[in-house]
Amino acid sequence: IRYPEIYEMQVTAILKAAIEVKRREGETVKVQIMLPQVSEANEVSHLKHVIEETAERVFEELGERIPYKVGTMIETPRAALTAGEIAKVAEFFSFGTNDLTQMTFGFSRDDAEAKFMANYLEKGILPNNPFEILDTKGVGRLVRIATKEGKESNYDLEVGICGEHGGEPSSIKFFHEAGLDYVSCSPYRIPVARLAAAQAALEQKREIPVTV
């Protein structure tokens, strides 16, 4: 918000690169511009306007237009709880479950794993490390709320998750049941993620794609 020139620079680079690929390779790039750390729908509206103005300048300069979408990370509890409002101005959601877990529990991953997570697991205070296996009771509830209210507000909203939980089998099953459209994970986790997604799809006879 304070430094719009950063977004202008990034959006310009993204769109110019996408147009260059289209001209050289004949391929239309699927451009999705994602806003991080959002907690308020007005943040998305404000920055979306900046992005759209920048895009128009690029298209006018290059004499060519390409489609693009503007969406947001859902990685704060407030964003999850106000997802219905945010979905009115965002074209897609991607859950950042590492940050969402940190903010929901109120502790950082680095501090927790370095200082007390092992003790919590040993004493049975937590059943699993919530940064490795999704906390379905707390963080998962926020995911369900945001997905449901987001899609009710915007029928075309695409919802996914990126990060470590996107490659963990039990978490993938939960995301499938919660109605997410895709999971994204690091390359080395893809085989496990594909298998988990297939198992979840077989159980509900619905497919959930995996992206890198």
N, C-alpha and C. Protein backbone atom coordinates (compact mmCIF):
# COMPACT_ATOMS: atom_id res chain seq x y z
N ILE A 1 0.84 -1.19 0.00
CA ILE A 1 0.00 0.00 0.00
C ILE A 1 0.89 1.25 0.00
N ARG A 2 1.90 1.26 0.84
CA ARG A 2 2.77 2.43 0.97
C ARG A 2 3.74 2.58 -0.19
N TYR A 3 4.08 1.46 -0.81
CA TYR A 3 5.06 1.50 -1.90
C TYR A 3 4.49 0.83 -3.15
N PRO A 4 3.50 1.46 -3.79
CA PRO A 4 2.87 0.84 -4.97
C PRO A 4 3.84 0.61 -6.12
N GLU A 5 4.94 1.36 -6.13
CA GLU A 5 5.91 1.19 -7.22
C GLU A 5 6.51 -0.21 -7.24
N ILE A 6 6.53 -0.88 -6.09
CA ILE A 6 7.04 -2.26 -6.06
C ILE A 6 6.12 -3.17 -6.85
N TYR A 7 4.81 -3.04 -6.61
CA TYR A 7 3.84 -3.84 -7.36
C TYR A 7 3.85 -3.47 -8.84
N GLU A 8 3.95 -2.18 -9.13
CA GLU A 8 3.98 -1.74 -10.52
C GLU A 8 5.15 -2.37 -11.26
N MET A 9 6.31 -2.41 -10.61
CA MET A 9 7.50 -2.99 -11.22
C MET A 9 7.31 -4.49 -11.45
N GLN A 10 6.78 -5.19 -10.45
CA GLN A 10 6.60 -6.64 -10.56
C GLN A 10 5.56 -6.99 -11.62
N VAL A 11 4.45 -6.29 -11.61
CA VAL A 11 3.39 -6.56 -12.59
C VAL A 11 3.87 -6.28 -14.00
N THR A 12 4.60 -5.19 -14.17
CA THR A 12 5.15 -4.86 -15.49
C THR A 12 6.06 -5.98 -15.99
N ALA A 13 6.92 -6.47 -15.11
CA ALA A 13 7.85 -7.55 -15.49
C ALA A 13 7.10 -8.83 -15.84
N ILE A 14 6.10 -9.16 -15.04
CA ILE A 14 5.32 -10.39 -15.28
C ILE A 14 4.62 -10.33 -16.63
N LEU A 15 3.91 -9.24 -16.88
CA LEU A 15 3.12 -9.14 -18.10
C LEU A 15 4.00 -9.03 -19.35
N LYS A 16 5.09 -8.28 -19.25
CA LYS A 16 5.99 -8.19 -20.41
C LYS A 16 6.61 -9.54 -20.73
N ALA A 17 6.96 -10.29 -19.70
CA ALA A 17 7.53 -11.62 -19.92
C ALA A 17 6.50 -12.55 -20.55
N ALA A 18 5.26 -12.48 -20.08
CA ALA A 18 4.20 -13.33 -20.62
C ALA A 18 3.92 -13.00 -22.08
N ILE A 19 3.91 -11.72 -22.41
CA ILE A 19 3.68 -11.32 -23.80
C ILE A 19 4.85 -11.75 -24.69
N GLU A 20 6.06 -11.66 -24.16
CA GLU A 20 7.24 -12.09 -24.92
C GLU A 20 7.16 -13.59 -25.22
N VAL A 21 6.74 -14.38 -24.24
CA VAL A 21 6.59 -15.83 -24.45
C VAL A 21 5.54 -16.10 -25.52
N LYS A 22 4.44 -15.37 -25.45
CA LYS A 22 3.38 -15.56 -26.44
C LYS A 22 3.89 -15.25 -27.85
N ARG A 23 4.67 -14.19 -27.98
CA ARG A 23 5.17 -13.80 -29.29
C ARG A 23 6.21 -14.78 -29.83
N ARG A 24 7.06 -15.27 -28.95
CA ARG A 24 8.14 -16.16 -29.40
C ARG A 24 7.69 -17.60 -29.56
N GLU A 25 6.88 -18.07 -28.60
CA GLU A 25 6.51 -19.49 -28.58
C GLU A 25 5.09 -19.75 -29.06
N GLY A 26 4.29 -18.70 -29.15
CA GLY A 26 2.90 -18.89 -29.55
C GLY A 26 2.04 -19.46 -28.45
N GLU A 27 2.55 -19.41 -27.23
CA GLU A 27 1.82 -19.96 -26.08
C GLU A 27 1.30 -18.82 -25.20
N THR A 28 0.04 -18.93 -24.80
CA THR A 28 -0.53 -17.94 -23.88
C THR A 28 -0.29 -18.40 -22.45
N VAL A 29 0.44 -17.61 -21.71
CA VAL A 29 0.77 -17.94 -20.32
C VAL A 29 -0.44 -17.66 -19.43
N LYS A 30 -0.69 -18.55 -18.50
CA LYS A 30 -1.77 -18.35 -17.53
C LYS A 30 -1.23 -17.47 -16.40
N VAL A 31 -1.47 -16.18 -16.50
CA VAL A 31 -0.92 -15.23 -15.53
C VAL A 31 -1.87 -15.07 -14.34
N GLN A 32 -1.35 -15.36 -13.15
CA GLN A 32 -2.09 -15.14 -11.91
C GLN A 32 -1.22 -14.32 -10.97
N ILE A 33 -1.69 -13.17 -10.60
CA ILE A 33 -0.96 -12.26 -9.72
C ILE A 33 -1.57 -12.35 -8.33
N MET A 34 -0.75 -12.78 -7.37
CA MET A 34 -1.27 -13.08 -6.04
C MET A 34 -0.76 -12.09 -5.00
N LEU A 35 -1.67 -11.55 -4.23
CA LEU A 35 -1.33 -10.58 -3.19
C LEU A 35 -1.13 -11.30 -1.86
N PRO A 36 -0.03 -11.03 -1.16
CA PRO A 36 0.24 -11.72 0.11
C PRO A 36 -0.26 -10.96 1.33
N GLN A 37 -0.39 -11.68 2.44
CA GLN A 37 -0.64 -11.11 3.76
C GLN A 37 -1.83 -10.14 3.81
N VAL A 38 -2.89 -10.50 3.11
CA VAL A 38 -4.09 -9.66 3.11
C VAL A 38 -4.96 -9.98 4.33
N SER A 39 -5.56 -8.95 4.91
CA SER A 39 -6.49 -9.15 6.02
C SER A 39 -7.81 -8.42 5.80
N GLU A 40 -7.90 -7.64 4.75
CA GLU A 40 -9.06 -6.77 4.53
C GLU A 40 -9.36 -6.68 3.04
N ALA A 41 -10.64 -6.79 2.69
CA ALA A 41 -11.04 -6.74 1.28
C ALA A 41 -10.61 -5.44 0.61
N ASN A 42 -10.62 -4.34 1.36
CA ASN A 42 -10.22 -3.06 0.77
C ASN A 42 -8.75 -3.05 0.34
N GLU A 43 -7.92 -3.85 1.01
CA GLU A 43 -6.52 -3.97 0.59
C GLU A 43 -6.46 -4.55 -0.82
N VAL A 44 -7.25 -5.60 -1.04
CA VAL A 44 -7.28 -6.23 -2.35
C VAL A 44 -7.81 -5.26 -3.40
N SER A 45 -8.90 -4.57 -3.08
CA SER A 45 -9.48 -3.61 -4.02
C SER A 45 -8.47 -2.54 -4.42
N HIS A 46 -7.78 -2.00 -3.42
CA HIS A 46 -6.81 -0.93 -3.67
C HIS A 46 -5.68 -1.42 -4.57
N LEU A 47 -5.10 -2.57 -4.22
CA LEU A 47 -3.97 -3.06 -4.98
C LEU A 47 -4.39 -3.60 -6.35
N LYS A 48 -5.60 -4.13 -6.43
CA LYS A 48 -6.11 -4.59 -7.73
C LYS A 48 -6.21 -3.42 -8.69
N HIS A 49 -6.62 -2.27 -8.19
CA HIS A 49 -6.70 -1.07 -9.02
C HIS A 49 -5.31 -0.67 -9.53
N VAL A 50 -4.32 -0.74 -8.64
CA VAL A 50 -2.93 -0.44 -9.03
C VAL A 50 -2.48 -1.40 -10.13
N ILE A 51 -2.79 -2.68 -9.94
CA ILE A 51 -2.39 -3.70 -10.92
C ILE A 51 -3.07 -3.46 -12.26
N GLU A 52 -4.36 -3.16 -12.24
CA GLU A 52 -5.09 -2.94 -13.49
C GLU A 52 -4.58 -1.72 -14.24
N GLU A 53 -4.27 -0.66 -13.52
CA GLU A 53 -3.71 0.53 -14.18
C GLU A 53 -2.35 0.22 -14.80
N THR A 54 -1.55 -0.54 -14.07
CA THR A 54 -0.23 -0.91 -14.58
C THR A 54 -0.36 -1.80 -15.81
N ALA A 55 -1.28 -2.75 -15.76
CA ALA A 55 -1.49 -3.65 -16.89
C ALA A 55 -1.91 -2.87 -18.14
N GLU A 56 -2.79 -1.90 -17.97
CA GLU A 56 -3.23 -1.10 -19.12
C GLU A 56 -2.06 -0.36 -19.75
N ARG A 57 -1.15 0.15 -18.93
CA ARG A 57 0.03 0.85 -19.46
C ARG A 57 0.91 -0.11 -20.26
N VAL A 58 1.08 -1.32 -19.73
CA VAL A 58 1.90 -2.32 -20.43
C VAL A 58 1.26 -2.71 -21.76
N PHE A 59 -0.04 -2.96 -21.74
CA PHE A 59 -0.74 -3.37 -22.96
C PHE A 59 -0.69 -2.27 -24.02
N GLU A 60 -0.83 -1.03 -23.58
CA GLU A 60 -0.77 0.09 -24.52
C GLU A 60 0.63 0.24 -25.10
N GLU A 61 1.63 0.06 -24.25
CA GLU A 61 3.02 0.19 -24.71
C GLU A 61 3.39 -0.88 -25.73
N LEU A 62 2.94 -2.13 -25.47
CA LEU A 62 3.32 -3.25 -26.33
C LEU A 62 2.33 -3.52 -27.45
N GLY A 63 1.17 -2.88 -27.38
CA GLY A 63 0.18 -3.07 -28.43
C GLY A 63 -0.43 -4.45 -28.44
N GLU A 64 -0.49 -5.07 -27.29
CA GLU A 64 -1.05 -6.42 -27.19
C GLU A 64 -1.59 -6.64 -25.78
N ARG A 65 -2.66 -7.44 -25.72
CA ARG A 65 -3.28 -7.72 -24.43
C ARG A 65 -3.24 -9.22 -24.16
N ILE A 66 -3.16 -9.59 -22.90
CA ILE A 66 -3.27 -10.99 -22.50
C ILE A 66 -4.16 -11.06 -21.26
N PRO A 67 -4.83 -12.18 -21.06
CA PRO A 67 -5.67 -12.31 -19.86
C PRO A 67 -4.82 -12.52 -18.62
N TYR A 68 -5.31 -12.08 -17.50
CA TYR A 68 -4.63 -12.30 -16.23
C TYR A 68 -5.67 -12.27 -15.11
N LYS A 69 -5.32 -12.86 -13.99
CA LYS A 69 -6.20 -12.86 -12.82
C LYS A 69 -5.47 -12.27 -11.63
N VAL A 70 -6.23 -11.66 -10.75
CA VAL A 70 -5.68 -11.12 -9.51
C VAL A 70 -6.36 -11.84 -8.34
N GLY A 71 -5.54 -12.45 -7.50
CA GLY A 71 -6.07 -13.16 -6.35
C GLY A 71 -5.25 -12.86 -5.12
N THR A 72 -5.46 -13.65 -4.09
CA THR A 72 -4.77 -13.36 -2.84
C THR A 72 -4.44 -14.62 -2.06
N MET A 73 -3.40 -14.52 -1.27
CA MET A 73 -3.12 -15.55 -0.28
C MET A 73 -4.13 -15.38 0.86
N ILE A 74 -4.57 -16.48 1.41
CA ILE A 74 -5.35 -16.45 2.65
C ILE A 74 -4.45 -17.04 3.72
N GLU A 75 -3.79 -16.17 4.47
CA GLU A 75 -2.81 -16.63 5.44
C GLU A 75 -2.91 -15.90 6.78
N THR A 76 -4.00 -15.15 6.96
CA THR A 76 -4.29 -14.56 8.26
C THR A 76 -5.68 -15.01 8.69
N PRO A 77 -5.91 -15.19 9.99
CA PRO A 77 -7.25 -15.59 10.43
C PRO A 77 -8.34 -14.63 9.99
N ARG A 78 -8.05 -13.34 10.00
CA ARG A 78 -9.08 -12.38 9.59
C ARG A 78 -9.43 -12.53 8.11
N ALA A 79 -8.45 -12.81 7.30
CA ALA A 79 -8.74 -13.04 5.88
C ALA A 79 -9.65 -14.24 5.71
N ALA A 80 -9.39 -15.29 6.47
CA ALA A 80 -10.23 -16.49 6.39
C ALA A 80 -11.66 -16.19 6.84
N LEU A 81 -11.79 -15.41 7.90
CA LEU A 81 -13.11 -15.12 8.46
C LEU A 81 -13.89 -14.10 7.65
N THR A 82 -13.21 -13.34 6.82
CA THR A 82 -13.90 -12.35 5.96
C THR A 82 -13.76 -12.72 4.49
N ALA A 83 -13.58 -14.00 4.23
CA ALA A 83 -13.33 -14.47 2.85
C ALA A 83 -14.47 -14.14 1.91
N GLY A 84 -15.69 -14.11 2.42
CA GLY A 84 -16.83 -13.78 1.57
C GLY A 84 -16.71 -12.39 0.98
N GLU A 85 -16.22 -11.44 1.78
CA GLU A 85 -16.02 -10.08 1.29
C GLU A 85 -14.83 -10.02 0.33
N ILE A 86 -13.76 -10.70 0.70
CA ILE A 86 -12.55 -10.68 -0.13
C ILE A 86 -12.82 -11.31 -1.50
N ALA A 87 -13.65 -12.36 -1.53
CA ALA A 87 -13.93 -13.06 -2.78
C ALA A 87 -14.68 -12.20 -3.79
N LYS A 88 -15.30 -11.13 -3.33
CA LYS A 88 -16.00 -10.24 -4.25
C LYS A 88 -15.03 -9.47 -5.15
N VAL A 89 -13.79 -9.34 -4.69
CA VAL A 89 -12.80 -8.58 -5.46
C VAL A 89 -11.59 -9.42 -5.87
N ALA A 90 -11.51 -10.66 -5.39
CA ALA A 90 -10.40 -11.56 -5.75
C ALA A 90 -10.91 -12.65 -6.68
N GLU A 91 -10.07 -13.07 -7.61
CA GLU A 91 -10.46 -14.10 -8.56
C GLU A 91 -10.00 -15.49 -8.15
N PHE A 92 -9.10 -15.56 -7.20
CA PHE A 92 -8.68 -16.86 -6.67
C PHE A 92 -8.10 -16.68 -5.28
N PHE A 93 -8.15 -17.77 -4.50
CA PHE A 93 -7.53 -17.83 -3.18
C PHE A 93 -6.44 -18.90 -3.21
N SER A 94 -5.38 -18.68 -2.47
CA SER A 94 -4.40 -19.73 -2.21
C SER A 94 -4.06 -19.66 -0.72
N PHE A 95 -4.38 -20.71 -0.01
CA PHE A 95 -4.10 -20.73 1.42
C PHE A 95 -2.60 -20.89 1.67
N GLY A 96 -2.05 -19.98 2.44
CA GLY A 96 -0.68 -20.11 2.91
C GLY A 96 -0.73 -20.70 4.30
N THR A 97 -0.76 -22.02 4.39
CA THR A 97 -1.07 -22.66 5.67
C THR A 97 0.06 -22.58 6.69
N ASN A 98 1.28 -22.34 6.25
CA ASN A 98 2.35 -22.17 7.23
C ASN A 98 2.12 -20.90 8.06
N ASP A 99 1.90 -19.78 7.37
CA ASP A 99 1.63 -18.53 8.09
C ASP A 99 0.29 -18.57 8.80
N LEU A 100 -0.71 -19.19 8.18
CA LEU A 100 -2.02 -19.29 8.82
C LEU A 100 -1.92 -20.10 10.12
N THR A 101 -1.10 -21.13 10.11
CA THR A 101 -0.89 -21.93 11.32
C THR A 101 -0.18 -21.10 12.39
N GLN A 102 0.84 -20.36 11.99
CA GLN A 102 1.55 -19.52 12.95
C GLN A 102 0.63 -18.50 13.60
N MET A 103 -0.19 -17.84 12.79
CA MET A 103 -1.06 -16.79 13.32
C MET A 103 -2.22 -17.34 14.12
N THR A 104 -2.67 -18.54 13.79
CA THR A 104 -3.77 -19.14 14.53
C THR A 104 -3.32 -19.63 15.90
N PHE A 105 -2.14 -20.25 15.94
CA PHE A 105 -1.60 -20.73 17.21
C PHE A 105 -0.95 -19.61 18.02
N GLY A 106 -0.51 -18.57 17.35
CA GLY A 106 0.13 -17.46 18.05
C GLY A 106 1.59 -17.70 18.38
N PHE A 107 2.24 -18.62 17.65
CA PHE A 107 3.69 -18.79 17.82
C PHE A 107 4.34 -19.04 16.46
N SER A 108 5.61 -18.69 16.36
CA SER A 108 6.33 -18.86 15.10
C SER A 108 6.81 -20.30 14.98
N ARG A 109 6.92 -20.76 13.76
CA ARG A 109 7.39 -22.13 13.53
C ARG A 109 8.80 -22.32 14.05
N ASP A 110 9.67 -21.36 13.76
CA ASP A 110 11.07 -21.49 14.18
C ASP A 110 11.18 -21.61 15.70
N ASP A 111 10.48 -20.74 16.42
CA ASP A 111 10.53 -20.78 17.88
C ASP A 111 9.93 -22.07 18.42
N ALA A 112 8.78 -22.45 17.88
CA ALA A 112 8.09 -23.63 18.37
C ALA A 112 8.92 -24.89 18.18
N GLU A 113 9.48 -25.07 16.99
CA GLU A 113 10.23 -26.29 16.72
C GLU A 113 11.58 -26.30 17.42
N ALA A 114 12.12 -25.13 17.68
CA ALA A 114 13.42 -25.07 18.35
C ALA A 114 13.30 -25.19 19.87
N LYS A 115 12.15 -24.79 20.42
CA LYS A 115 12.08 -24.66 21.88
C LYS A 115 11.10 -25.60 22.58
N PHE A 116 9.92 -25.83 22.01
CA PHE A 116 8.96 -26.59 22.81
C PHE A 116 8.09 -27.59 22.06
N MET A 117 8.16 -27.63 20.73
CA MET A 117 7.28 -28.53 19.99
C MET A 117 7.50 -29.99 20.37
N ALA A 118 8.76 -30.40 20.50
CA ALA A 118 9.04 -31.79 20.86
C ALA A 118 8.42 -32.14 22.21
N ASN A 119 8.46 -31.21 23.14
CA ASN A 119 7.88 -31.43 24.47
C ASN A 119 6.36 -31.54 24.39
N TYR A 120 5.75 -30.70 23.57
CA TYR A 120 4.30 -30.74 23.39
C TYR A 120 3.86 -32.07 22.79
N LEU A 121 4.65 -32.57 21.85
CA LEU A 121 4.31 -33.84 21.21
C LEU A 121 4.54 -35.00 22.17
N GLU A 122 5.62 -34.95 22.92
CA GLU A 122 5.94 -36.00 23.88
C GLU A 122 4.87 -36.12 24.96
N LYS A 123 4.34 -34.99 25.41
CA LYS A 123 3.34 -34.99 26.48
C LYS A 123 1.92 -35.12 25.95
N GLY A 124 1.78 -35.22 24.64
CA GLY A 124 0.46 -35.40 24.06
C GLY A 124 -0.40 -34.15 24.04
N ILE A 125 0.22 -32.99 24.24
CA ILE A 125 -0.54 -31.74 24.20
C ILE A 125 -1.04 -31.48 22.78
N LEU A 126 -0.20 -31.75 21.81
CA LEU A 126 -0.59 -31.71 20.41
C LEU A 126 -0.42 -33.10 19.81
N PRO A 127 -1.36 -33.55 18.98
CA PRO A 127 -1.25 -34.89 18.40
C PRO A 127 -0.16 -34.99 17.33
N ASN A 128 0.08 -33.87 16.64
CA ASN A 128 1.08 -33.82 15.56
C ASN A 128 1.68 -32.43 15.51
N ASN A 129 2.82 -32.33 14.85
CA ASN A 129 3.37 -31.01 14.57
C ASN A 129 2.45 -30.32 13.56
N PRO A 130 1.77 -29.24 13.94
CA PRO A 130 0.79 -28.62 13.03
C PRO A 130 1.40 -27.98 11.80
N PHE A 131 2.72 -27.85 11.78
CA PHE A 131 3.38 -27.31 10.59
C PHE A 131 3.68 -28.40 9.57
N GLU A 132 3.56 -29.65 9.99
CA GLU A 132 3.78 -30.78 9.09
C GLU A 132 2.46 -31.44 8.69
N ILE A 133 1.56 -31.58 9.65
CA ILE A 133 0.23 -32.15 9.41
C ILE A 133 -0.81 -31.11 9.81
N LEU A 134 -1.71 -30.78 8.92
CA LEU A 134 -2.66 -29.70 9.16
C LEU A 134 -3.45 -29.90 10.45
N ASP A 135 -3.56 -28.84 11.22
CA ASP A 135 -4.42 -28.81 12.40
C ASP A 135 -5.86 -28.63 11.92
N THR A 136 -6.58 -29.72 11.77
CA THR A 136 -7.91 -29.66 11.17
C THR A 136 -8.94 -29.01 12.09
N LYS A 137 -8.73 -29.08 13.40
CA LYS A 137 -9.71 -28.50 14.33
C LYS A 137 -9.70 -26.98 14.32
N GLY A 138 -8.52 -26.39 14.21
CA GLY A 138 -8.41 -24.94 14.25
C GLY A 138 -8.16 -24.33 12.89
N VAL A 139 -6.96 -24.56 12.36
CA VAL A 139 -6.60 -24.02 11.04
C VAL A 139 -7.54 -24.59 9.98
N GLY A 140 -7.83 -25.87 10.09
CA GLY A 140 -8.73 -26.50 9.12
C GLY A 140 -10.11 -25.89 9.13
N ARG A 141 -10.57 -25.52 10.30
CA ARG A 141 -11.89 -24.87 10.38
C ARG A 141 -11.88 -23.54 9.64
N LEU A 142 -10.79 -22.79 9.77
CA LEU A 142 -10.66 -21.54 9.03
C LEU A 142 -10.64 -21.79 7.52
N VAL A 143 -9.97 -22.86 7.11
CA VAL A 143 -9.94 -23.22 5.68
C VAL A 143 -11.35 -23.53 5.18
N ARG A 144 -12.10 -24.29 5.96
CA ARG A 144 -13.47 -24.63 5.56
C ARG A 144 -14.34 -23.37 5.45
N ILE A 145 -14.25 -22.51 6.46
CA ILE A 145 -15.05 -21.28 6.46
C ILE A 145 -14.72 -20.42 5.24
N ALA A 146 -13.43 -20.22 5.01
CA ALA A 146 -13.01 -19.36 3.90
C ALA A 146 -13.41 -19.94 2.55
N THR A 147 -13.26 -21.24 2.39
CA THR A 147 -13.62 -21.89 1.12
C THR A 147 -15.12 -21.79 0.88
N LYS A 148 -15.90 -22.12 1.89
CA LYS A 148 -17.36 -22.10 1.76
C LYS A 148 -17.87 -20.69 1.47
N GLU A 149 -17.45 -19.72 2.30
CA GLU A 149 -17.96 -18.36 2.15
C GLU A 149 -17.40 -17.69 0.89
N GLY A 150 -16.16 -18.03 0.54
CA GLY A 150 -15.59 -17.47 -0.67
C GLY A 150 -16.33 -17.92 -1.91
N LYS A 151 -16.63 -19.21 -1.99
CA LYS A 151 -17.31 -19.75 -3.17
C LYS A 151 -18.78 -19.35 -3.20
N GLU A 152 -19.38 -19.14 -2.04
CA GLU A 152 -20.75 -18.65 -2.01
C GLU A 152 -20.82 -17.22 -2.54
N SER A 153 -19.79 -16.45 -2.27
CA SER A 153 -19.74 -15.05 -2.70
C SER A 153 -19.32 -14.91 -4.15
N ASN A 154 -18.47 -15.83 -4.62
CA ASN A 154 -17.94 -15.77 -5.98
C ASN A 154 -17.93 -17.19 -6.54
N TYR A 155 -18.92 -17.50 -7.35
CA TYR A 155 -19.09 -18.86 -7.85
C TYR A 155 -17.89 -19.35 -8.64
N ASP A 156 -17.20 -18.44 -9.32
CA ASP A 156 -16.06 -18.81 -10.17
C ASP A 156 -14.73 -18.81 -9.41
N LEU A 157 -14.76 -18.58 -8.12
CA LEU A 157 -13.53 -18.50 -7.34
C LEU A 157 -12.77 -19.83 -7.37
N GLU A 158 -11.48 -19.75 -7.68
CA GLU A 158 -10.61 -20.92 -7.65
C GLU A 158 -9.87 -20.91 -6.31
N VAL A 159 -9.89 -22.04 -5.61
CA VAL A 159 -9.30 -22.11 -4.27
C VAL A 159 -8.29 -23.24 -4.19
N GLY A 160 -7.10 -22.93 -3.71
CA GLY A 160 -6.07 -23.95 -3.55
C GLY A 160 -5.23 -23.70 -2.33
N ILE A 161 -4.18 -24.49 -2.19
CA ILE A 161 -3.27 -24.35 -1.06
C ILE A 161 -1.86 -24.58 -1.56
N CYS A 162 -0.93 -23.79 -1.06
CA CYS A 162 0.46 -23.98 -1.43
C CYS A 162 1.31 -24.11 -0.17
N GLY A 163 2.33 -24.94 -0.25
CA GLY A 163 3.20 -25.11 0.91
C GLY A 163 3.33 -26.56 1.32
N GLU A 164 3.94 -26.77 2.47
CA GLU A 164 4.27 -28.11 2.93
C GLU A 164 3.04 -29.00 3.10
N HIS A 165 1.94 -28.43 3.59
CA HIS A 165 0.73 -29.23 3.77
C HIS A 165 0.18 -29.74 2.45
N GLY A 166 0.54 -29.08 1.34
CA GLY A 166 0.06 -29.52 0.03
C GLY A 166 0.68 -30.82 -0.44
N GLY A 167 1.66 -31.32 0.29
CA GLY A 167 2.28 -32.59 -0.06
C GLY A 167 2.13 -33.65 1.01
N GLU A 168 1.27 -33.39 2.00
CA GLU A 168 1.09 -34.32 3.12
C GLU A 168 -0.25 -35.04 2.96
N PRO A 169 -0.25 -36.38 2.90
CA PRO A 169 -1.45 -37.14 2.53
C PRO A 169 -2.72 -36.85 3.33
N SER A 170 -2.65 -36.86 4.66
CA SER A 170 -3.87 -36.63 5.43
C SER A 170 -4.39 -35.21 5.25
N SER A 171 -3.48 -34.27 5.07
CA SER A 171 -3.88 -32.88 4.83
C SER A 171 -4.54 -32.75 3.46
N ILE A 172 -4.00 -33.43 2.46
CA ILE A 172 -4.59 -33.40 1.12
C ILE A 172 -6.00 -33.95 1.15
N LYS A 173 -6.21 -35.02 1.89
CA LYS A 173 -7.56 -35.58 2.01
C LYS A 173 -8.52 -34.55 2.61
N PHE A 174 -8.05 -33.85 3.63
CA PHE A 174 -8.89 -32.82 4.25
C PHE A 174 -9.21 -31.72 3.25
N PHE A 175 -8.22 -31.25 2.50
CA PHE A 175 -8.45 -30.18 1.53
C PHE A 175 -9.45 -30.62 0.46
N HIS A 176 -9.36 -31.86 0.07
CA HIS A 176 -10.31 -32.40 -0.91
C HIS A 176 -11.72 -32.34 -0.35
N GLU A 177 -11.88 -32.80 0.88
CA GLU A 177 -13.20 -32.82 1.52
C GLU A 177 -13.73 -31.40 1.76
N ALA A 178 -12.80 -30.45 1.96
CA ALA A 178 -13.20 -29.06 2.22
C ALA A 178 -13.60 -28.32 0.95
N GLY A 179 -13.37 -28.95 -0.21
CA GLY A 179 -13.81 -28.35 -1.46
C GLY A 179 -12.78 -27.54 -2.22
N LEU A 180 -11.49 -27.71 -1.88
CA LEU A 180 -10.45 -26.99 -2.61
C LEU A 180 -10.30 -27.56 -4.02
N ASP A 181 -9.83 -26.73 -4.93
CA ASP A 181 -9.70 -27.13 -6.33
C ASP A 181 -8.34 -27.73 -6.67
N TYR A 182 -7.31 -27.39 -5.91
CA TYR A 182 -5.97 -27.92 -6.20
C TYR A 182 -5.07 -27.81 -4.98
N VAL A 183 -4.00 -28.57 -5.01
CA VAL A 183 -2.93 -28.41 -4.03
C VAL A 183 -1.64 -28.17 -4.81
N SER A 184 -0.75 -27.39 -4.23
CA SER A 184 0.54 -27.09 -4.85
C SER A 184 1.63 -27.43 -3.85
N CYS A 185 2.68 -28.09 -4.32
CA CYS A 185 3.73 -28.52 -3.41
C CYS A 185 5.08 -28.49 -4.12
N SER A 186 6.13 -28.71 -3.37
CA SER A 186 7.48 -28.75 -3.94
C SER A 186 7.63 -30.00 -4.81
N PRO A 187 8.51 -29.96 -5.82
CA PRO A 187 8.62 -31.07 -6.77
C PRO A 187 8.83 -32.44 -6.14
N TYR A 188 9.65 -32.53 -5.09
CA TYR A 188 9.95 -33.85 -4.53
C TYR A 188 8.75 -34.47 -3.83
N ARG A 189 7.72 -33.68 -3.53
CA ARG A 189 6.53 -34.20 -2.88
C ARG A 189 5.43 -34.59 -3.87
N ILE A 190 5.65 -34.32 -5.15
CA ILE A 190 4.59 -34.55 -6.12
C ILE A 190 4.11 -36.00 -6.17
N PRO A 191 4.99 -37.02 -6.20
CA PRO A 191 4.48 -38.40 -6.25
C PRO A 191 3.53 -38.73 -5.11
N VAL A 192 3.90 -38.35 -3.89
CA VAL A 192 3.04 -38.60 -2.73
C VAL A 192 1.75 -37.80 -2.85
N ALA A 193 1.87 -36.55 -3.29
CA ALA A 193 0.69 -35.69 -3.40
C ALA A 193 -0.29 -36.24 -4.44
N ARG A 194 0.23 -36.72 -5.56
CA ARG A 194 -0.63 -37.28 -6.60
C ARG A 194 -1.37 -38.52 -6.09
N LEU A 195 -0.65 -39.36 -5.38
CA LEU A 195 -1.27 -40.57 -4.85
C LEU A 195 -2.36 -40.22 -3.84
N ALA A 196 -2.05 -39.28 -2.95
CA ALA A 196 -3.04 -38.88 -1.94
C ALA A 196 -4.26 -38.23 -2.58
N ALA A 197 -4.02 -37.40 -3.61
CA ALA A 197 -5.13 -36.76 -4.32
C ALA A 197 -5.99 -37.80 -5.02
N ALA A 198 -5.35 -38.81 -5.62
CA ALA A 198 -6.09 -39.86 -6.30
C ALA A 198 -6.92 -40.67 -5.32
N GLN A 199 -6.35 -40.98 -4.16
CA GLN A 199 -7.09 -41.73 -3.15
C GLN A 199 -8.31 -40.94 -2.67
N ALA A 200 -8.11 -39.63 -2.45
CA ALA A 200 -9.23 -38.80 -2.02
C ALA A 200 -10.31 -38.73 -3.10
N ALA A 201 -9.87 -38.64 -4.36
CA ALA A 201 -10.82 -38.57 -5.47
C ALA A 201 -11.60 -39.87 -5.61
N LEU A 202 -10.93 -40.99 -5.40
CA LEU A 202 -11.62 -42.28 -5.49
C LEU A 202 -12.67 -42.41 -4.41
N GLU A 203 -12.36 -41.89 -3.23
CA GLU A 203 -13.32 -41.98 -2.13
C GLU A 203 -14.56 -41.14 -2.41
N GLN A 204 -14.39 -39.99 -3.04
CA GLN A 204 -15.54 -39.12 -3.31
C GLN A 204 -15.86 -39.02 -4.80
N LYS A 205 -15.09 -39.74 -5.61
CA LYS A 205 -15.28 -39.75 -7.06
C LYS A 205 -15.23 -38.34 -7.63
N ARG A 206 -14.22 -37.59 -7.17
CA ARG A 206 -14.00 -36.24 -7.68
C ARG A 206 -12.51 -36.02 -7.77
N GLU A 207 -12.05 -35.37 -8.83
CA GLU A 207 -10.62 -35.19 -9.04
C GLU A 207 -10.12 -33.87 -8.47
N ILE A 208 -8.95 -33.91 -7.85
CA ILE A 208 -8.28 -32.69 -7.37
C ILE A 208 -6.89 -32.65 -7.98
N PRO A 209 -6.58 -31.67 -8.86
CA PRO A 209 -5.29 -31.63 -9.53
C PRO A 209 -4.16 -31.19 -8.63
N VAL A 210 -2.95 -31.57 -9.00
CA VAL A 210 -1.74 -31.17 -8.27
C VAL A 210 -0.90 -30.30 -9.18
N THR A 211 -0.44 -29.15 -8.69
CA THR A 211 0.42 -28.26 -9.46
C THR A 211 1.71 -28.03 -8.71
N VAL A 212 2.72 -27.59 -9.44
CA VAL A 212 4.02 -27.28 -8.83
C VAL A 212 4.13 -25.77 -8.66
